[in-house]
C-alpha atoms as a PDB file:
ATOM      1  CA  UNK A   1      -0.046   0.062  -0.077  1.00  0.00           C
ATOM      2  CA  UNK A   2       2.693   2.435   0.762  1.00  0.00           C
ATOM      3  CA  UNK A   3       4.110   2.089  -2.816  1.00  0.00           C
ATOM      4  CA  UNK A   4       0.819   3.255  -4.251  1.00  0.00           C
ATOM      5  CA  UNK A   5       0.867   6.326  -1.956  1.00  0.00           C
ATOM      6  CA  UNK A   6       4.787   7.315  -3.131  1.00  0.00           C
ATOM      7  CA  UNK A   7       3.077   6.467  -6.960  1.00  0.00           C
ATOM      8  CA  UNK A   8       0.606   9.102  -5.823  1.00  0.00           C
ATOM      9  CA  UNK A   9       2.994  11.544  -4.454  1.00  0.00           C
ATOM     10  CA  UNK A  10       5.132  10.720  -7.388  1.00  0.00           C
ATOM     11  CA  UNK A  11       2.030  11.842  -9.534  1.00  0.00           C
ATOM     12  CA  UNK A  12       1.208  14.804  -7.941  1.00  0.00           C
ATOM     13  CA  UNK A  13       4.560  16.307  -7.791  1.00  0.00           C
ATOM     14  CA  UNK A  14       4.969  16.140 -11.341  1.00  0.00           C
ATOM     15  CA  UNK A  15       1.935  17.602 -11.879  1.00  0.00           C
ATOM     16  CA  UNK A  16       3.122  20.756  -9.727  1.00  0.00           C
ATOM     17  CA  UNK A  17       6.729  20.601 -11.368  1.00  0.00           C
ATOM     18  CA  UNK A  18       4.916  20.850 -15.019  1.00  0.00           C
ATOM     19  CA  UNK A  19       2.303  23.862 -14.196  1.00  0.00           C
ATOM     20  CA  UNK A  20       5.310  25.641 -12.485  1.00  0.00           C
ATOM     21  CA  UNK A  21       7.109  25.694 -16.154  1.00  0.00           C
ATOM     22  CA  UNK A  22       4.267  27.890 -17.401  1.00  0.00           C
ATOM     23  CA  UNK A  23       4.636  30.058 -13.570  1.00  0.00           C
ATOM     24  CA  UNK A  24       8.518  30.173 -14.328  1.00  0.00           C
ATOM     25  CA  UNK A  25       8.119  31.614 -17.974  1.00  0.00           C
ATOM     26  CA  UNK A  26       4.995  34.232 -17.763  1.00  0.00           C
ATOM     27  CA  UNK A  27       5.833  35.584 -14.132  1.00  0.00           C
ATOM     28  CA  UNK A  28       8.679  34.820 -11.716  1.00  0.00           C
ATOM     29  CA  UNK A  29      11.218  32.683 -13.597  1.00  0.00           C
ATOM     30  CA  UNK A  30      13.912  32.055 -10.910  1.00  0.00           C
ATOM     31  CA  UNK A  31      10.950  30.879  -8.386  1.00  0.00           C
ATOM     32  CA  UNK A  32       9.274  28.991 -11.109  1.00  0.00           C
ATOM     33  CA  UNK A  33      12.090  27.426 -12.160  1.00  0.00           C
ATOM     34  CA  UNK A  34      13.560  26.025  -8.669  1.00  0.00           C
ATOM     35  CA  UNK A  35      10.047  24.849  -8.027  1.00  0.00           C
ATOM     36  CA  UNK A  36       9.881  23.101 -11.437  1.00  0.00           C
ATOM     37  CA  UNK A  37      13.282  21.536 -10.573  1.00  0.00           C
ATOM     38  CA  UNK A  38      12.018  20.396  -7.189  1.00  0.00           C
ATOM     39  CA  UNK A  39       8.958  19.227  -8.035  1.00  0.00           C
ATOM     40  CA  UNK A  40      10.579  16.737 -11.188  1.00  0.00           C
ATOM     41  CA  UNK A  41      13.385  16.115  -8.789  1.00  0.00           C
ATOM     42  CA  UNK A  42      10.570  14.542  -6.039  1.00  0.00           C
ATOM     43  CA  UNK A  43       8.483  13.153  -8.568  1.00  0.00           C
ATOM     44  CA  UNK A  44      11.533  10.915  -9.747  1.00  0.00           C
ATOM     45  CA  UNK A  45      12.220  10.120  -5.953  1.00  0.00           C
ATOM     46  CA  UNK A  46       8.805   8.707  -4.914  1.00  0.00           C
ATOM     47  CA  UNK A  47       8.745   7.044  -8.498  1.00  0.00           C
ATOM     48  CA  UNK A  48      11.851   5.503  -7.663  1.00  0.00           C
ATOM     49  CA  UNK A  49      10.437   4.057  -4.250  1.00  0.00           C
ATOM     50  CA  UNK A  50       7.142   3.169  -6.007  1.00  0.00           C
ATOM     51  CA  UNK A  51       8.669   0.345  -8.392  1.00  0.00           C
ATOM     52  CA  UNK A  52       9.994  -1.241  -5.747  1.00  0.00           C
ATOM     53  CA  UNK A  53       6.875  -2.723  -5.160  1.00  0.00           C
ATOM     54  CA  UNK A  54       4.666  -1.885  -8.380  1.00  0.00           C
ATOM     55  CA  UNK A  55       5.568  -3.298 -11.625  1.00  0.00           C
ATOM     56  CA  UNK A  56       7.357  -0.339 -13.468  1.00  0.00           C
ATOM     57  CA  UNK A  57       5.542  -0.481 -16.705  1.00  0.00           C
ATOM     58  CA  UNK A  58       2.447  -0.013 -14.265  1.00  0.00           C
ATOM     59  CA  UNK A  59       4.184   2.439 -12.374  1.00  0.00           C
ATOM     60  CA  UNK A  60       5.658   4.421 -15.434  1.00  0.00           C
ATOM     61  CA  UNK A  61       1.633   4.418 -16.941  1.00  0.00           C
ATOM     62  CA  UNK A  62      -0.044   5.867 -14.141  1.00  0.00           C
ATOM     63  CA  UNK A  63       2.951   8.153 -13.714  1.00  0.00           C
ATOM     64  CA  UNK A  64       2.967   9.846 -17.238  1.00  0.00           C
ATOM     65  CA  UNK A  65      -1.136   9.004 -18.287  1.00  0.00           C
ATOM     66  CA  UNK A  66      -2.708  10.044 -14.720  1.00  0.00           C
ATOM     67  CA  UNK A  67      -0.045  13.357 -14.889  1.00  0.00           C
ATOM     68  CA  UNK A  68      -0.928  14.254 -18.405  1.00  0.00           C
ATOM     69  CA  UNK A  69      -4.578  13.899 -17.588  1.00  0.00           C
ATOM     70  CA  UNK A  70      -3.966  16.462 -14.200  1.00  0.00           C
ATOM     71  CA  UNK A  71      -1.686  18.421 -16.100  1.00  0.00           C
ATOM     72  CA  UNK A  72      -4.098  19.339 -19.429  1.00  0.00           C
ATOM     73  CA  UNK A  73      -7.267  19.614 -16.707  1.00  0.00           C
ATOM     74  CA  UNK A  74      -4.731  22.077 -14.396  1.00  0.00           C
ATOM     75  CA  UNK A  75      -3.951  24.306 -17.898  1.00  0.00           C
ATOM     76  CA  UNK A  76      -7.552  24.382 -18.650  1.00  0.00           C
ATOM     77  CA  UNK A  77      -8.711  25.620 -14.795  1.00  0.00           C
ATOM     78  CA  UNK A  78      -6.063  27.657 -14.089  1.00  0.00           C
ATOM     79  CA  UNK A  79      -4.048  28.228 -17.303  1.00  0.00           C
ATOM     80  CA  UNK A  80      -6.589  29.468 -19.778  1.00  0.00           C
ATOM     81  CA  UNK A  81      -5.776  26.568 -22.480  1.00  0.00           C
ATOM     82  CA  UNK A  82      -8.406  25.083 -24.607  1.00  0.00           C
ATOM     83  CA  UNK A  83      -9.669  22.009 -24.495  1.00  0.00           C
ATOM     84  CA  UNK A  84     -10.592  20.798 -27.912  1.00  0.00           C
ATOM     85  CA  UNK A  85     -12.626  17.666 -29.315  1.00  0.00           C
ATOM     86  CA  UNK A  86      -9.330  16.049 -30.111  1.00  0.00           C
ATOM     87  CA  UNK A  87      -7.559  16.622 -27.125  1.00  0.00           C
ATOM     88  CA  UNK A  88     -10.471  15.140 -25.037  1.00  0.00           C
ATOM     89  CA  UNK A  89     -10.605  12.227 -27.403  1.00  0.00           C
ATOM     90  CA  UNK A  90      -7.076  11.602 -26.621  1.00  0.00           C
ATOM     91  CA  UNK A  91      -6.913  12.019 -23.151  1.00  0.00           C
ATOM     92  CA  UNK A  92      -9.962   9.348 -23.058  1.00  0.00           C
ATOM     93  CA  UNK A  93      -7.995   6.812 -24.920  1.00  0.00           C
ATOM     94  CA  UNK A  94      -4.905   7.793 -22.899  1.00  0.00           C
ATOM     95  CA  UNK A  95      -7.169   6.938 -19.499  1.00  0.00           C
ATOM     96  CA  UNK A  96      -8.404   3.550 -21.374  1.00  0.00           C
ATOM     97  CA  UNK A  97      -5.109   2.684 -22.125  1.00  0.00           C
ATOM     98  CA  UNK A  98      -3.819   2.986 -18.599  1.00  0.00           C
ATOM     99  CA  UNK A  99      -6.811   1.048 -17.560  1.00  0.00           C
ATOM    100  CA  UNK A 100      -5.495  -2.062 -19.619  1.00  0.00           C
ATOM    101  CA  UNK A 101      -1.956  -1.720 -18.722  1.00  0.00           C
ATOM    102  CA  UNK A 102      -2.939  -1.783 -15.063  1.00  0.00           C
ATOM    103  CA  UNK A 103      -6.045  -4.385 -15.609  1.00  0.00           C
ATOM    104  CA  UNK A 104      -2.894  -7.008 -17.808  1.00  0.00           C
ATOM    105  CA  UNK A 105      -0.821  -6.633 -15.003  1.00  0.00           C
ATOM    106  CA  UNK A 106      -0.477  -9.637 -12.733  1.00  0.00           C
ATOM    107  CA  UNK A 107       0.084  -9.146  -9.115  1.00  0.00           C
ATOM    108  CA  UNK A 108       3.414 -10.537  -8.414  1.00  0.00           C
ATOM    109  CA  UNK A 109       2.896 -13.846  -5.716  1.00  0.00           C
ATOM    110  CA  UNK A 110       3.907 -13.262  -1.933  1.00  0.00           C
ATOM    111  CA  UNK A 111       5.338 -16.704  -2.103  1.00  0.00           C
ATOM    112  CA  UNK A 112       7.549 -19.007  -4.448  1.00  0.00           C
ATOM    113  CA  UNK A 113       7.760 -22.504  -3.506  1.00  0.00           C
ATOM    114  CA  UNK A 114       7.408 -21.589   0.128  1.00  0.00           C
ATOM    115  CA  UNK A 115      10.253 -19.088   0.470  1.00  0.00           C
ATOM    116  CA  UNK A 116       9.453 -15.681   1.064  1.00  0.00           C
ATOM    117  CA  UNK A 117      10.407 -13.072  -1.857  1.00  0.00           C
ATOM    118  CA  UNK A 118      12.606 -10.225  -0.892  1.00  0.00           C
ATOM    119  CA  UNK A 119      11.188  -6.870  -0.723  1.00  0.00           C
END
């Protein structure tokens, strides 16, 4: 369960870091870039913690896919960008792909041949 929390934190940090790029470009370059680098670094740190238990393909698909959806929502809601029909359909297809990747990944067995697997 902790690894999923790490993945959630990684996604949120990625969204904040990516959204701060616009902040850096338009208002406060130094503060925006510092926030961007800190959040992207924090995102990778927590992603690395998450992949100790979550399969890399699933973790990366969720990190990127959910991150893109959230960044798009932030950009439309707070940054004044538009959401056209093709972009909305693309996001829907992306969400469907994320769900398929997650559904197609089996959970690793807790034990193999009576021996506990290393954590």
